[in-house]
C-alpha atoms as a PDB file:
ATOM      1  CA  UNK A   1      31.966 -69.224 -24.957  1.00  0.00           C
ATOM      2  CA  UNK A   2      33.893 -72.077 -23.760  1.00  0.00           C
ATOM      3  CA  UNK A   3      35.066 -72.292 -20.020  1.00  0.00           C
ATOM      4  CA  UNK A   4      38.569 -71.312 -21.275  1.00  0.00           C
ATOM      5  CA  UNK A   5      39.441 -67.709 -21.196  1.00  0.00           C
ATOM      6  CA  UNK A   6      41.050 -64.886 -23.120  1.00  0.00           C
ATOM      7  CA  UNK A   7      44.107 -63.386 -22.015  1.00  0.00           C
ATOM      8  CA  UNK A   8      45.708 -59.942 -22.963  1.00  0.00           C
ATOM      9  CA  UNK A   9      49.316 -58.845 -22.483  1.00  0.00           C
ATOM     10  CA  UNK A  10      51.727 -56.031 -23.701  1.00  0.00           C
ATOM     11  CA  UNK A  11      54.780 -54.339 -23.240  1.00  0.00           C
ATOM     12  CA  UNK A  12      57.394 -57.094 -22.578  1.00  0.00           C
ATOM     13  CA  UNK A  13      60.380 -55.029 -23.932  1.00  0.00           C
ATOM     14  CA  UNK A  14      62.439 -57.855 -24.498  1.00  0.00           C
ATOM     15  CA  UNK A  15      66.016 -56.701 -25.336  1.00  0.00           C
ATOM     16  CA  UNK A  16      65.883 -53.811 -22.788  1.00  0.00           C
ATOM     17  CA  UNK A  17      67.719 -52.482 -20.726  1.00  0.00           C
ATOM     18  CA  UNK A  18      70.213 -55.267 -21.176  1.00  0.00           C
ATOM     19  CA  UNK A  19      70.554 -59.076 -21.940  1.00  0.00           C
ATOM     20  CA  UNK A  20      70.605 -60.216 -18.447  1.00  0.00           C
ATOM     21  CA  UNK A  21      67.737 -58.539 -17.178  1.00  0.00           C
ATOM     22  CA  UNK A  22      65.683 -59.018 -20.622  1.00  0.00           C
ATOM     23  CA  UNK A  23      66.289 -62.895 -20.229  1.00  0.00           C
ATOM     24  CA  UNK A  24      65.147 -62.998 -16.710  1.00  0.00           C
ATOM     25  CA  UNK A  25      61.930 -61.398 -17.785  1.00  0.00           C
ATOM     26  CA  UNK A  26      61.468 -63.609 -20.595  1.00  0.00           C
ATOM     27  CA  UNK A  27      61.646 -66.648 -18.562  1.00  0.00           C
ATOM     28  CA  UNK A  28      59.081 -65.217 -16.383  1.00  0.00           C
ATOM     29  CA  UNK A  29      56.660 -64.383 -19.049  1.00  0.00           C
ATOM     30  CA  UNK A  30      57.299 -68.101 -20.524  1.00  0.00           C
ATOM     31  CA  UNK A  31      56.466 -69.355 -17.021  1.00  0.00           C
ATOM     32  CA  UNK A  32      53.040 -67.481 -17.004  1.00  0.00           C
ATOM     33  CA  UNK A  33      52.310 -68.818 -20.474  1.00  0.00           C
ATOM     34  CA  UNK A  34      53.063 -72.368 -19.426  1.00  0.00           C
ATOM     35  CA  UNK A  35      50.616 -71.886 -16.731  1.00  0.00           C
ATOM     36  CA  UNK A  36      47.729 -70.304 -18.674  1.00  0.00           C
ATOM     37  CA  UNK A  37      48.247 -72.724 -21.741  1.00  0.00           C
ATOM     38  CA  UNK A  38      45.531 -75.232 -20.910  1.00  0.00           C
ATOM     39  CA  UNK A  39      43.277 -72.344 -19.807  1.00  0.00           C
ATOM     40  CA  UNK A  40      43.611 -70.330 -22.876  1.00  0.00           C
ATOM     41  CA  UNK A  41      40.820 -69.920 -25.533  1.00  0.00           C
ATOM     42  CA  UNK A  42      42.623 -66.805 -27.122  1.00  0.00           C
ATOM     43  CA  UNK A  43      45.561 -64.847 -26.595  1.00  0.00           C
ATOM     44  CA  UNK A  44      45.997 -61.269 -27.437  1.00  0.00           C
ATOM     45  CA  UNK A  45      49.251 -59.492 -27.593  1.00  0.00           C
ATOM     46  CA  UNK A  46      49.241 -55.690 -27.594  1.00  0.00           C
ATOM     47  CA  UNK A  47      52.524 -54.650 -29.017  1.00  0.00           C
ATOM     48  CA  UNK A  48      56.034 -53.686 -27.742  1.00  0.00           C
ATOM     49  CA  UNK A  49      56.787 -57.349 -27.062  1.00  0.00           C
ATOM     50  CA  UNK A  50      60.328 -56.341 -28.150  1.00  0.00           C
ATOM     51  CA  UNK A  51      62.052 -53.304 -27.370  1.00  0.00           C
ATOM     52  CA  UNK A  52      63.050 -53.160 -31.193  1.00  0.00           C
ATOM     53  CA  UNK A  53      62.017 -55.478 -33.983  1.00  0.00           C
ATOM     54  CA  UNK A  54      62.919 -55.491 -37.717  1.00  0.00           C
ATOM     55  CA  UNK A  55      62.110 -58.297 -40.177  1.00  0.00           C
ATOM     56  CA  UNK A  56      65.175 -58.468 -42.268  1.00  0.00           C
ATOM     57  CA  UNK A  57      64.492 -60.707 -45.313  1.00  0.00           C
ATOM     58  CA  UNK A  58      66.866 -63.401 -44.108  1.00  0.00           C
ATOM     59  CA  UNK A  59      67.954 -62.429 -40.367  1.00  0.00           C
ATOM     60  CA  UNK A  60      66.079 -62.889 -37.370  1.00  0.00           C
ATOM     61  CA  UNK A  61      66.919 -60.422 -34.439  1.00  0.00           C
ATOM     62  CA  UNK A  62      69.059 -62.496 -31.900  1.00  0.00           C
ATOM     63  CA  UNK A  63      67.523 -63.513 -28.693  1.00  0.00           C
ATOM     64  CA  UNK A  64      63.792 -64.158 -27.652  1.00  0.00           C
ATOM     65  CA  UNK A  65      63.946 -67.966 -28.448  1.00  0.00           C
ATOM     66  CA  UNK A  66      62.195 -68.934 -25.384  1.00  0.00           C
ATOM     67  CA  UNK A  67      59.247 -66.655 -25.881  1.00  0.00           C
ATOM     68  CA  UNK A  68      59.255 -67.314 -29.704  1.00  0.00           C
ATOM     69  CA  UNK A  69      59.341 -71.134 -28.935  1.00  0.00           C
ATOM     70  CA  UNK A  70      56.367 -70.794 -26.557  1.00  0.00           C
ATOM     71  CA  UNK A  71      54.273 -69.117 -29.136  1.00  0.00           C
ATOM     72  CA  UNK A  72      54.822 -71.786 -31.410  1.00  0.00           C
ATOM     73  CA  UNK A  73      53.576 -74.320 -28.887  1.00  0.00           C
ATOM     74  CA  UNK A  74      50.316 -72.043 -28.604  1.00  0.00           C
ATOM     75  CA  UNK A  75      50.045 -71.922 -32.362  1.00  0.00           C
ATOM     76  CA  UNK A  76      50.518 -75.957 -32.394  1.00  0.00           C
ATOM     77  CA  UNK A  77      47.815 -76.470 -30.153  1.00  0.00           C
ATOM     78  CA  UNK A  78      45.460 -74.505 -32.194  1.00  0.00           C
ATOM     79  CA  UNK A  79      45.074 -71.682 -29.796  1.00  0.00           C
ATOM     80  CA  UNK A  80      44.052 -68.469 -31.755  1.00  0.00           C
ATOM     81  CA  UNK A  81      46.631 -65.589 -31.191  1.00  0.00           C
ATOM     82  CA  UNK A  82      46.617 -61.866 -32.239  1.00  0.00           C
ATOM     83  CA  UNK A  83      49.609 -59.277 -32.430  1.00  0.00           C
ATOM     84  CA  UNK A  84      49.155 -55.389 -32.533  1.00  0.00           C
ATOM     85  CA  UNK A  85      52.273 -53.793 -33.603  1.00  0.00           C
ATOM     86  CA  UNK A  86      53.630 -51.218 -30.833  1.00  0.00           C
ATOM     87  CA  UNK A  87      55.917 -48.188 -31.381  1.00  0.00           C
ATOM     88  CA  UNK A  88      59.021 -50.240 -30.539  1.00  0.00           C
ATOM     89  CA  UNK A  89      58.088 -53.243 -32.884  1.00  0.00           C
ATOM     90  CA  UNK A  90      55.964 -51.506 -35.587  1.00  0.00           C
ATOM     91  CA  UNK A  91      58.376 -53.008 -38.445  1.00  0.00           C
ATOM     92  CA  UNK A  92      56.428 -56.219 -38.413  1.00  0.00           C
ATOM     93  CA  UNK A  93      55.913 -58.048 -41.815  1.00  0.00           C
ATOM     94  CA  UNK A  94      55.034 -61.706 -42.387  1.00  0.00           C
ATOM     95  CA  UNK A  95      57.112 -63.528 -39.859  1.00  0.00           C
ATOM     96  CA  UNK A  96      54.258 -64.084 -37.168  1.00  0.00           C
ATOM     97  CA  UNK A  97      51.619 -64.842 -39.652  1.00  0.00           C
ATOM     98  CA  UNK A  98      53.720 -67.541 -41.285  1.00  0.00           C
ATOM     99  CA  UNK A  99      55.161 -69.124 -38.408  1.00  0.00           C
ATOM    100  CA  UNK A 100      52.230 -68.848 -35.868  1.00  0.00           C
ATOM    101  CA  UNK A 101      49.365 -68.242 -38.131  1.00  0.00           C
ATOM    102  CA  UNK A 102      48.937 -65.025 -36.024  1.00  0.00           C
ATOM    103  CA  UNK A 103      47.379 -62.111 -37.687  1.00  0.00           C
ATOM    104  CA  UNK A 104      49.227 -58.807 -37.226  1.00  0.00           C
ATOM    105  CA  UNK A 105      47.406 -55.419 -36.924  1.00  0.00           C
ATOM    106  CA  UNK A 106      48.631 -51.938 -37.286  1.00  0.00           C
ATOM    107  CA  UNK A 107      45.647 -50.093 -36.089  1.00  0.00           C
ATOM    108  CA  UNK A 108      43.023 -50.911 -33.241  1.00  0.00           C
ATOM    109  CA  UNK A 109      40.527 -53.368 -34.219  1.00  0.00           C
ATOM    110  CA  UNK A 110      37.056 -54.249 -32.903  1.00  0.00           C
ATOM    111  CA  UNK A 111      36.125 -57.854 -31.659  1.00  0.00           C
ATOM    112  CA  UNK A 112      33.041 -59.313 -30.498  1.00  0.00           C
ATOM    113  CA  UNK A 113      33.204 -62.125 -27.824  1.00  0.00           C
ATOM    114  CA  UNK A 114      30.178 -63.560 -26.249  1.00  0.00           C
ATOM    115  CA  UNK A 115      28.178 -60.672 -26.822  1.00  0.00           C
ATOM    116  CA  UNK A 116      30.799 -58.128 -25.423  1.00  0.00           C
ATOM    117  CA  UNK A 117      32.228 -55.435 -27.953  1.00  0.00           C
ATOM    118  CA  UNK A 118      35.999 -54.996 -27.356  1.00  0.00           C
ATOM    119  CA  UNK A 119      38.350 -52.396 -29.134  1.00  0.00           C
ATOM    120  CA  UNK A 120      42.063 -53.793 -28.880  1.00  0.00           C
ATOM    121  CA  UNK A 121      45.179 -51.975 -29.985  1.00  0.00           C
ATOM    122  CA  UNK A 122      48.546 -50.961 -28.627  1.00  0.00           C
ATOM    123  CA  UNK A 123      47.581 -47.323 -28.135  1.00  0.00           C
ATOM    124  CA  UNK A 124      50.275 -45.336 -29.400  1.00  0.00           C
ATOM    125  CA  UNK A 125      49.387 -41.933 -31.345  1.00  0.00           C
ATOM    126  CA  UNK A 126      45.776 -42.125 -30.234  1.00  0.00           C
ATOM    127  CA  UNK A 127      43.858 -39.182 -28.760  1.00  0.00           C
ATOM    128  CA  UNK A 128      45.050 -35.605 -28.505  1.00  0.00           C
ATOM    129  CA  UNK A 129      48.514 -34.481 -28.105  1.00  0.00           C
ATOM    130  CA  UNK A 130      51.899 -36.015 -28.779  1.00  0.00           C
ATOM    131  CA  UNK A 131      52.044 -34.470 -32.151  1.00  0.00           C
ATOM    132  CA  UNK A 132      55.789 -35.021 -32.474  1.00  0.00           C
ATOM    133  CA  UNK A 133      55.372 -38.767 -32.198  1.00  0.00           C
ATOM    134  CA  UNK A 134      52.548 -38.610 -34.679  1.00  0.00           C
ATOM    135  CA  UNK A 135      54.474 -37.008 -37.201  1.00  0.00           C
ATOM    136  CA  UNK A 136      57.429 -39.352 -36.560  1.00  0.00           C
ATOM    137  CA  UNK A 137      55.307 -42.407 -36.744  1.00  0.00           C
ATOM    138  CA  UNK A 138      54.229 -41.497 -40.314  1.00  0.00           C
ATOM    139  CA  UNK A 139      57.818 -41.477 -41.204  1.00  0.00           C
ATOM    140  CA  UNK A 140      58.489 -44.774 -39.539  1.00  0.00           C
ATOM    141  CA  UNK A 141      55.540 -46.447 -41.100  1.00  0.00           C
ATOM    142  CA  UNK A 142      56.612 -45.389 -44.711  1.00  0.00           C
ATOM    143  CA  UNK A 143      57.577 -48.349 -46.787  1.00  0.00           C
ATOM    144  CA  UNK A 144      60.443 -46.364 -48.136  1.00  0.00           C
ATOM    145  CA  UNK A 145      61.860 -45.709 -44.697  1.00  0.00           C
ATOM    146  CA  UNK A 146      61.660 -49.296 -43.982  1.00  0.00           C
ATOM    147  CA  UNK A 147      63.405 -50.166 -47.127  1.00  0.00           C
ATOM    148  CA  UNK A 148      66.355 -47.667 -46.243  1.00  0.00           C
ATOM    149  CA  UNK A 149      66.769 -49.129 -42.776  1.00  0.00           C
ATOM    150  CA  UNK A 150      66.644 -52.506 -44.233  1.00  0.00           C
ATOM    151  CA  UNK A 151      69.767 -51.983 -46.487  1.00  0.00           C
ATOM    152  CA  UNK A 152      71.800 -51.157 -43.384  1.00  0.00           C
ATOM    153  CA  UNK A 153      74.076 -53.840 -41.829  1.00  0.00           C
ATOM    154  CA  UNK A 154      72.042 -55.432 -39.171  1.00  0.00           C
ATOM    155  CA  UNK A 155      74.905 -54.443 -36.783  1.00  0.00           C
ATOM    156  CA  UNK A 156      74.548 -50.597 -37.603  1.00  0.00           C
ATOM    157  CA  UNK A 157      70.713 -50.849 -37.942  1.00  0.00           C
ATOM    158  CA  UNK A 158      70.323 -52.770 -34.469  1.00  0.00           C
ATOM    159  CA  UNK A 159      72.824 -50.451 -32.914  1.00  0.00           C
ATOM    160  CA  UNK A 160      70.967 -47.365 -34.015  1.00  0.00           C
ATOM    161  CA  UNK A 161      67.654 -48.883 -33.105  1.00  0.00           C
ATOM    162  CA  UNK A 162      68.837 -49.433 -29.392  1.00  0.00           C
ATOM    163  CA  UNK A 163      70.139 -46.030 -29.099  1.00  0.00           C
ATOM    164  CA  UNK A 164      66.638 -44.460 -30.390  1.00  0.00           C
ATOM    165  CA  UNK A 165      64.890 -46.861 -27.832  1.00  0.00           C
ATOM    166  CA  UNK A 166      67.044 -45.748 -24.890  1.00  0.00           C
ATOM    167  CA  UNK A 167      66.426 -42.189 -25.754  1.00  0.00           C
ATOM    168  CA  UNK A 168      62.757 -42.735 -26.030  1.00  0.00           C
ATOM    169  CA  UNK A 169      62.577 -44.190 -22.527  1.00  0.00           C
ATOM    170  CA  UNK A 170      64.846 -41.363 -21.239  1.00  0.00           C
ATOM    171  CA  UNK A 171      62.410 -38.831 -22.596  1.00  0.00           C
ATOM    172  CA  UNK A 172      59.470 -40.465 -21.020  1.00  0.00           C
ATOM    173  CA  UNK A 173      61.038 -40.818 -17.567  1.00  0.00           C
ATOM    174  CA  UNK A 174      58.904 -41.212 -14.614  1.00  0.00           C
ATOM    175  CA  UNK A 175      55.691 -39.905 -16.232  1.00  0.00           C
ATOM    176  CA  UNK A 176      54.737 -43.660 -17.046  1.00  0.00           C
ATOM    177  CA  UNK A 177      54.423 -44.217 -13.411  1.00  0.00           C
ATOM    178  CA  UNK A 178      51.807 -41.523 -12.635  1.00  0.00           C
ATOM    179  CA  UNK A 179      48.155 -41.486 -13.652  1.00  0.00           C
ATOM    180  CA  UNK A 180      47.627 -38.099 -14.899  1.00  0.00           C
ATOM    181  CA  UNK A 181      44.038 -37.570 -14.402  1.00  0.00           C
ATOM    182  CA  UNK A 182      40.943 -37.815 -16.479  1.00  0.00           C
ATOM    183  CA  UNK A 183      41.645 -34.703 -18.514  1.00  0.00           C
ATOM    184  CA  UNK A 184      45.349 -35.437 -19.513  1.00  0.00           C
ATOM    185  CA  UNK A 185      45.234 -39.175 -20.155  1.00  0.00           C
ATOM    186  CA  UNK A 186      45.267 -39.188 -23.821  1.00  0.00           C
ATOM    187  CA  UNK A 187      44.199 -42.885 -24.217  1.00  0.00           C
ATOM    188  CA  UNK A 188      41.144 -42.178 -21.603  1.00  0.00           C
ATOM    189  CA  UNK A 189      40.128 -39.163 -23.843  1.00  0.00           C
ATOM    190  CA  UNK A 190      40.484 -41.242 -26.920  1.00  0.00           C
ATOM    191  CA  UNK A 191      38.031 -43.913 -25.565  1.00  0.00           C
ATOM    192  CA  UNK A 192      35.580 -41.261 -24.442  1.00  0.00           C
ATOM    193  CA  UNK A 193      35.450 -39.961 -28.109  1.00  0.00           C
ATOM    194  CA  UNK A 194      34.747 -43.529 -29.329  1.00  0.00           C
ATOM    195  CA  UNK A 195      31.859 -43.911 -27.037  1.00  0.00           C
ATOM    196  CA  UNK A 196      30.225 -40.882 -28.376  1.00  0.00           C
ATOM    197  CA  UNK A 197      30.036 -42.679 -31.699  1.00  0.00           C
ATOM    198  CA  UNK A 198      29.502 -46.436 -30.780  1.00  0.00           C
ATOM    199  CA  UNK A 199      29.097 -48.748 -27.942  1.00  0.00           C
ATOM    200  CA  UNK A 200      32.333 -50.680 -26.635  1.00  0.00           C
ATOM    201  CA  UNK A 201      32.198 -52.632 -23.605  1.00  0.00           C
ATOM    202  CA  UNK A 202      36.069 -53.064 -22.984  1.00  0.00           C
ATOM    203  CA  UNK A 203      38.866 -50.749 -24.553  1.00  0.00           C
ATOM    204  CA  UNK A 204      42.099 -52.916 -24.167  1.00  0.00           C
ATOM    205  CA  UNK A 205      45.348 -51.042 -24.854  1.00  0.00           C
ATOM    206  CA  UNK A 206      49.154 -51.288 -23.813  1.00  0.00           C
ATOM    207  CA  UNK A 207      51.624 -48.447 -24.508  1.00  0.00           C
ATOM    208  CA  UNK A 208      51.017 -46.505 -21.213  1.00  0.00           C
ATOM    209  CA  UNK A 209      52.967 -48.894 -18.993  1.00  0.00           C
ATOM    210  CA  UNK A 210      50.783 -47.839 -16.005  1.00  0.00           C
ATOM    211  CA  UNK A 211      48.134 -50.709 -15.381  1.00  0.00           C
ATOM    212  CA  UNK A 212      44.759 -49.001 -15.356  1.00  0.00           C
ATOM    213  CA  UNK A 213      41.183 -50.188 -14.754  1.00  0.00           C
ATOM    214  CA  UNK A 214      38.824 -47.319 -15.438  1.00  0.00           C
ATOM    215  CA  UNK A 215      35.227 -47.249 -15.644  1.00  0.00           C
ATOM    216  CA  UNK A 216      33.964 -44.786 -18.378  1.00  0.00           C
ATOM    217  CA  UNK A 217      30.218 -45.594 -18.083  1.00  0.00           C
ATOM    218  CA  UNK A 218      27.825 -48.182 -16.571  1.00  0.00           C
ATOM    219  CA  UNK A 219      28.695 -50.420 -19.531  1.00  0.00           C
ATOM    220  CA  UNK A 220      32.201 -49.457 -20.578  1.00  0.00           C
ATOM    221  CA  UNK A 221      35.603 -49.735 -19.215  1.00  0.00           C
ATOM    222  CA  UNK A 222      39.142 -48.816 -20.269  1.00  0.00           C
ATOM    223  CA  UNK A 223      41.843 -51.345 -19.478  1.00  0.00           C
ATOM    224  CA  UNK A 224      45.477 -50.538 -19.773  1.00  0.00           C
ATOM    225  CA  UNK A 225      47.611 -53.601 -19.584  1.00  0.00           C
ATOM    226  CA  UNK A 226      50.523 -51.958 -17.766  1.00  0.00           C
ATOM    227  CA  UNK A 227      53.938 -53.783 -18.704  1.00  0.00           C
ATOM    228  CA  UNK A 228      56.099 -56.794 -17.837  1.00  0.00           C
ATOM    229  CA  UNK A 229      59.060 -54.503 -16.489  1.00  0.00           C
ATOM    230  CA  UNK A 230      57.570 -53.220 -13.379  1.00  0.00           C
ATOM    231  CA  UNK A 231      54.012 -54.496 -12.868  1.00  0.00           C
ATOM    232  CA  UNK A 232      53.951 -57.827 -14.609  1.00  0.00           C
ATOM    233  CA  UNK A 233      50.108 -57.170 -15.347  1.00  0.00           C
ATOM    234  CA  UNK A 234      47.602 -58.828 -17.919  1.00  0.00           C
ATOM    235  CA  UNK A 235      43.962 -58.711 -18.486  1.00  0.00           C
ATOM    236  CA  UNK A 236      41.712 -62.020 -18.523  1.00  0.00           C
ATOM    237  CA  UNK A 237      38.195 -62.262 -19.876  1.00  0.00           C
ATOM    238  CA  UNK A 238      36.079 -65.116 -18.837  1.00  0.00           C
ATOM    239  CA  UNK A 239      33.054 -64.329 -21.176  1.00  0.00           C
ATOM    240  CA  UNK A 240      31.237 -61.987 -18.605  1.00  0.00           C
ATOM    241  CA  UNK A 241      33.843 -60.226 -16.704  1.00  0.00           C
ATOM    242  CA  UNK A 242      37.239 -58.755 -17.526  1.00  0.00           C
ATOM    243  CA  UNK A 243      39.795 -58.664 -14.728  1.00  0.00           C
ATOM    244  CA  UNK A 244      43.159 -56.732 -14.714  1.00  0.00           C
ATOM    245  CA  UNK A 245      45.819 -58.667 -12.482  1.00  0.00           C
ATOM    246  CA  UNK A 246      49.311 -58.761 -11.637  1.00  0.00           C
ATOM    247  CA  UNK A 247      51.449 -62.026 -11.818  1.00  0.00           C
ATOM    248  CA  UNK A 248      53.705 -60.979  -9.247  1.00  0.00           C
ATOM    249  CA  UNK A 249      51.031 -59.754  -6.787  1.00  0.00           C
ATOM    250  CA  UNK A 250      51.200 -56.136  -7.271  1.00  0.00           C
ATOM    251  CA  UNK A 251      47.416 -55.582  -7.576  1.00  0.00           C
ATOM    252  CA  UNK A 252      47.765 -52.473  -5.215  1.00  0.00           C
ATOM    253  CA  UNK A 253      49.570 -50.760  -7.864  1.00  0.00           C
ATOM    254  CA  UNK A 254      46.972 -50.934 -10.393  1.00  0.00           C
ATOM    255  CA  UNK A 255      44.954 -47.640 -10.933  1.00  0.00           C
ATOM    256  CA  UNK A 256      41.241 -48.355 -10.415  1.00  0.00           C
ATOM    257  CA  UNK A 257      38.297 -46.171 -10.830  1.00  0.00           C
ATOM    258  CA  UNK A 258      34.871 -48.150  -9.921  1.00  0.00           C
END
């Protein structure tokens, strides 16, 4: 393992709640990426980079040019990158692979780095509960559904997507800001179920929007990456230890269980 580090980020939700605030957030993310570029061995983006994304055949959604340009710089520097689709940007196709040589994953995936086993994913639809979303996810993942959306004019399609995204955030409300406890955190339950089958040193997910560093056993930890809306949190792995940090100094808001 080189001296450089592996970084994990998720849930930028660029495009929400409006252009001005999204642009401010994008500039902060790009500044962070600038600062870590020379220190990065590998970059994992764990989904919901955009509040909505659809790859039309010849149309790229407006905006995000600063971030996309920065990812291009990482790619040109030979830094390996990985993208895990989230529930807001699940309609990824080939654009990232072709432009950035960045694999796109639709399910959690295992990696081994420096002898440590990692399971990385966005986190939506995992664990018990949330049956309504799981049914909806099957519909959205269906290629025919994606085709039907694609034949809508982009103005209509993006407007509909924006409405659905706002509705989703309104339904979630403040529950994203509260740790629900070991028996109610679906991703935590999912990690425990996986540990009954195999050994994983670090589970790394997004989606929850709450930064969590939770020790599951003497050897295993669940890391939720939080978001870049309220907490501006990320994880960094140096080959031995994994740390969850806040770029804006909000470490006191990270849920930790030693």
